[in-house]
Amino acid sequence: MIRRLFAEWIGTFSLLATVVGSGIMAERLAGGNIAIALLGNTIPTGSILVVLIMVFGPISGAHFNPAVTLAFAIRKEIAARESILYVLAQIFGGISGVLVAHVMFDNVLIDPSTTVRTGLGQWVGEFVATFGLIGTILGCLKARPEAIPFAVGLYITAAYWFTSSTSFANPAVTIARGFSDTFAGIQPENVAAFIAVQLIAALLATVFFNWLLEENAETA
């Protein structure tokens, strides 16, 4: 269990160091072009997810995301106590990753974000992003488990661009990004609503895809 928790911690740490670090680098190099900055943030994020899931998947399942942990808890594939420990490891790992990114780029260590991300459009974007992420994982788990790292990385890469919220889809990521007044940040006041939408989407996606995939299995 200790190894699994460390895998979740360092995996989420690495994910947030990449999200925030690449966001800072992209913004500095983009010369004010937001589209280029977003692209510079997107590619590293999708890429690191592939790497992290391949490395840590055999150890902890590579959740790195309380919404994913919730989905597997609903499916009774992880115990309630283990789920809580996973979520704590993910949250602290994410915050640690943000702090290290700030150190690397000479930013203020703790710098709450002032980027406003709120409103119906943003919340719907987060619902769509999280629902699709859970569907991607459960669908691949049923049909091609070996494809999960690539499918998740590609999904998040796409969702950065087709969702209004740029696809946080992860409560631990959302909390951590509240500590960073950078390109990837979210105002702390907006965090709770994002998390609520993400968890609702994860719950509904789990129920829906459990039904859908079971129906497909019976048909086959």
Protein backbone atom coordinates (compact mmCIF):
# COMPACT_ATOMS: atom_id res chain seq x y z
CA MET A 1 0.00 0.00 0.00
CA ILE A 2 2.85 2.39 0.79
CA ARG A 3 4.32 1.84 -2.68
CA ARG A 4 0.92 2.44 -4.26
CA LEU A 5 0.45 5.70 -2.38
CA PHE A 6 3.92 6.90 -3.31
CA ALA A 7 3.15 6.03 -6.94
CA GLU A 8 -0.03 8.14 -6.77
CA TRP A 9 1.83 10.97 -5.05
CA ILE A 10 4.76 11.15 -7.45
CA GLY A 11 2.55 10.57 -10.48
CA THR A 12 0.26 13.49 -9.58
CA PHE A 13 3.31 15.54 -8.60
CA SER A 14 4.83 14.97 -12.04
CA LEU A 15 1.55 15.72 -13.78
CA LEU A 16 1.14 19.10 -12.07
CA ALA A 17 4.80 20.02 -12.46
CA THR A 18 4.26 19.45 -16.17
CA VAL A 19 0.92 21.27 -16.42
CA VAL A 20 2.07 24.36 -14.54
CA GLY A 21 5.70 24.31 -15.73
CA SER A 22 4.77 23.99 -19.39
CA GLY A 23 2.10 26.66 -18.90
CA ILE A 24 4.68 29.11 -17.55
CA MET A 25 7.17 28.28 -20.30
CA ALA A 26 4.52 28.47 -23.02
CA GLU A 27 3.22 31.84 -21.84
CA ARG A 28 6.72 33.30 -21.67
CA LEU A 29 7.66 32.13 -25.16
CA ALA A 30 4.34 32.73 -26.94
CA GLY A 31 4.73 36.50 -27.15
CA GLY A 32 1.15 37.14 -26.11
CA ASN A 33 -0.37 34.61 -28.54
CA ILE A 34 -2.80 32.69 -26.33
CA ALA A 35 -3.42 29.97 -28.92
CA ILE A 36 0.30 29.20 -29.13
CA ALA A 37 0.56 29.25 -25.34
CA LEU A 38 -2.33 26.80 -25.04
CA LEU A 39 -0.74 24.51 -27.61
CA GLY A 40 2.54 24.68 -25.67
CA ASN A 41 0.64 23.66 -22.54
CA THR A 42 -1.41 20.95 -24.24
CA ILE A 43 1.27 18.82 -25.87
CA PRO A 44 3.41 18.29 -22.73
CA THR A 45 0.32 17.48 -20.65
CA GLY A 46 -0.96 14.81 -23.03
CA SER A 47 2.55 13.40 -23.47
CA ILE A 48 3.35 13.13 -19.77
CA LEU A 49 0.07 11.35 -19.10
CA VAL A 50 1.07 8.57 -21.49
CA VAL A 51 4.44 8.22 -19.75
CA LEU A 52 3.09 8.35 -16.20
CA ILE A 53 0.31 5.83 -16.81
CA MET A 54 2.75 3.42 -18.42
CA VAL A 55 5.24 3.77 -15.56
CA PHE A 56 2.91 3.77 -12.56
CA GLY A 57 -0.07 1.84 -13.91
CA PRO A 58 1.34 -1.54 -12.83
CA ILE A 59 1.94 -0.20 -9.29
CA SER A 60 -1.14 1.80 -8.32
CA GLY A 61 -3.37 1.77 -11.38
CA ALA A 62 -2.16 5.31 -12.17
CA HIS A 63 -5.31 7.13 -11.11
CA PHE A 64 -3.71 10.54 -10.32
CA ASN A 65 -7.28 11.81 -10.13
CA PRO A 66 -9.97 11.60 -7.40
CA ALA A 67 -12.64 11.35 -10.10
CA VAL A 68 -10.99 8.21 -11.46
CA THR A 69 -10.60 6.82 -7.94
CA LEU A 70 -14.31 7.49 -7.35
CA ALA A 71 -15.18 5.57 -10.51
CA PHE A 72 -13.21 2.52 -9.40
CA ALA A 73 -14.65 2.77 -5.88
CA ILE A 74 -18.16 2.69 -7.35
CA ARG A 75 -17.14 -0.40 -9.32
CA LYS A 76 -15.84 -1.90 -6.03
CA GLU A 77 -12.35 -2.27 -7.49
CA ILE A 78 -10.79 -0.24 -4.68
CA ALA A 79 -11.82 -0.19 -1.01
CA ALA A 80 -13.22 2.96 0.63
CA ARG A 81 -10.23 3.39 2.98
CA GLU A 82 -7.78 2.96 0.12
CA SER A 83 -9.77 5.45 -1.95
CA ILE A 84 -9.42 8.11 0.75
CA LEU A 85 -5.68 7.52 1.01
CA TYR A 86 -5.35 7.67 -2.78
CA VAL A 87 -7.18 11.01 -2.90
CA LEU A 88 -4.99 12.50 -0.15
CA ALA A 89 -1.85 11.35 -1.96
CA GLN A 90 -3.14 12.85 -5.20
CA ILE A 91 -3.99 16.22 -3.64
CA PHE A 92 -0.68 16.59 -1.82
CA GLY A 93 1.22 15.35 -4.86
CA GLY A 94 -0.50 17.92 -7.05
CA ILE A 95 0.23 20.82 -4.71
CA SER A 96 3.86 19.68 -4.40
CA GLY A 97 4.16 19.62 -8.19
CA VAL A 98 2.89 23.19 -8.45
CA LEU A 99 5.35 24.41 -5.82
CA VAL A 100 8.29 22.77 -7.60
CA ALA A 101 7.20 24.30 -10.91
CA HIS A 102 7.21 27.71 -9.21
CA VAL A 103 10.71 27.10 -7.88
CA MET A 104 11.98 26.02 -11.32
CA PHE A 105 10.70 29.20 -12.95
CA ASP A 106 11.54 31.60 -10.10
CA ASN A 107 7.88 32.32 -9.32
CA VAL A 108 6.48 33.12 -5.89
CA LEU A 109 6.22 29.79 -4.06
CA ILE A 110 2.53 30.09 -3.05
CA ASP A 111 0.72 32.43 -5.41
CA PRO A 112 -3.10 32.00 -5.44
CA SER A 113 -4.51 32.33 -8.94
CA THR A 114 -6.53 35.32 -10.08
CA THR A 115 -7.79 33.61 -13.27
CA VAL A 116 -11.59 33.52 -13.16
CA ARG A 117 -13.07 30.25 -14.42
CA THR A 118 -16.76 30.17 -13.65
CA GLY A 119 -20.19 30.19 -15.27
CA LEU A 120 -22.44 27.70 -17.01
CA GLY A 121 -20.22 27.30 -20.06
CA GLN A 122 -17.15 26.45 -17.96
CA TRP A 123 -19.13 24.03 -15.79
CA VAL A 124 -20.60 22.25 -18.81
CA GLY A 125 -17.09 22.06 -20.25
CA GLU A 126 -15.84 20.37 -17.08
CA PHE A 127 -18.78 17.97 -17.08
CA VAL A 128 -18.10 16.96 -20.70
CA ALA A 129 -14.35 16.66 -20.08
CA THR A 130 -14.70 14.46 -16.99
CA PHE A 131 -17.52 12.33 -18.39
CA GLY A 132 -15.46 11.64 -21.50
CA LEU A 133 -12.31 10.88 -19.53
CA ILE A 134 -14.06 8.25 -17.40
CA GLY A 135 -15.68 6.81 -20.51
CA THR A 136 -12.30 6.61 -22.23
CA ILE A 137 -10.77 4.71 -19.32
CA LEU A 138 -13.65 2.30 -18.77
CA GLY A 139 -14.13 1.66 -22.48
CA CYS A 140 -10.46 0.86 -23.01
CA LEU A 141 -10.36 -1.20 -19.82
CA LYS A 142 -13.11 -3.39 -21.29
CA ALA A 143 -11.73 -3.70 -24.82
CA ARG A 144 -8.01 -2.85 -24.89
CA PRO A 145 -6.41 -2.19 -21.49
CA GLU A 146 -2.97 -1.79 -23.05
CA ALA A 147 -4.26 1.26 -24.96
CA ILE A 148 -5.28 3.21 -21.86
CA PRO A 149 -2.09 5.34 -21.58
CA PHE A 150 -2.33 6.49 -25.18
CA ALA A 151 -6.11 6.92 -25.13
CA VAL A 152 -6.03 9.06 -21.98
CA GLY A 153 -3.15 11.20 -23.26
CA LEU A 154 -4.87 11.76 -26.59
CA TYR A 155 -8.25 12.44 -24.99
CA ILE A 156 -6.86 15.13 -22.67
CA THR A 157 -4.89 16.64 -25.55
CA ALA A 158 -8.11 16.94 -27.56
CA ALA A 159 -10.21 18.07 -24.59
CA TYR A 160 -7.86 21.00 -23.93
CA TRP A 161 -9.20 22.40 -27.19
CA PHE A 162 -12.80 21.26 -27.51
CA THR A 163 -13.94 22.14 -23.97
CA SER A 164 -14.52 25.70 -22.78
CA SER A 165 -12.67 25.00 -19.51
CA THR A 166 -9.55 23.52 -21.18
CA SER A 167 -10.34 20.22 -19.49
CA PHE A 168 -9.18 20.10 -15.88
CA ALA A 169 -11.30 16.93 -15.38
CA ASN A 170 -9.51 16.22 -12.10
CA PRO A 171 -10.28 17.54 -8.58
CA ALA A 172 -6.66 17.18 -7.41
CA VAL A 173 -5.44 19.13 -10.45
CA THR A 174 -8.11 21.77 -9.83
CA ILE A 175 -7.09 22.26 -6.20
CA ALA A 176 -3.39 22.43 -7.07
CA ARG A 177 -3.88 24.90 -9.92
CA GLY A 178 -5.61 27.24 -7.47
CA PHE A 179 -2.17 27.81 -5.92
CA SER A 180 -0.67 29.10 -9.18
CA ASP A 181 -1.31 32.55 -10.62
CA THR A 182 0.01 31.46 -14.00
CA PHE A 183 -1.37 30.43 -17.38
CA ALA A 184 -2.76 27.18 -15.89
CA GLY A 185 -4.31 28.74 -12.79
CA ILE A 186 -7.86 28.91 -11.47
CA GLN A 187 -9.13 31.39 -8.89
CA PRO A 188 -9.56 29.55 -5.54
CA GLU A 189 -13.15 30.82 -5.29
CA ASN A 190 -13.98 28.87 -8.46
CA VAL A 191 -12.44 25.56 -7.37
CA ALA A 192 -15.39 24.12 -5.41
CA ALA A 193 -17.85 24.40 -8.32
CA PHE A 194 -15.38 22.75 -10.71
CA ILE A 195 -14.84 19.87 -8.30
CA ALA A 196 -18.58 19.37 -7.75
CA VAL A 197 -19.20 19.15 -11.49
CA GLN A 198 -16.26 16.78 -11.98
CA LEU A 199 -17.45 14.38 -9.28
CA ILE A 200 -21.03 14.40 -10.57
CA ALA A 201 -19.77 13.72 -14.08
CA ALA A 202 -17.56 10.88 -12.83
CA LEU A 203 -20.47 9.30 -10.96
CA LEU A 204 -22.84 9.50 -13.93
CA ALA A 205 -20.19 8.35 -16.40
CA THR A 206 -19.38 5.31 -14.27
CA VAL A 207 -23.03 4.28 -14.03
CA PHE A 208 -23.63 4.91 -17.73
CA PHE A 209 -20.56 3.11 -19.06
CA ASN A 210 -21.02 0.18 -16.69
CA TRP A 211 -24.48 -0.25 -18.21
CA LEU A 212 -23.34 0.39 -21.77
CA LEU A 213 -20.40 -1.98 -21.68
CA GLU A 214 -22.44 -4.68 -19.96
CA GLU A 215 -25.07 -4.37 -22.71
CA ASN A 216 -22.36 -4.65 -25.36
CA ALA A 217 -20.93 -7.74 -23.69
CA GLU A 218 -24.35 -9.40 -23.63
CA THR A 219 -24.92 -8.54 -27.29
CA ALA A 220 -21.54 -9.97 -28.28
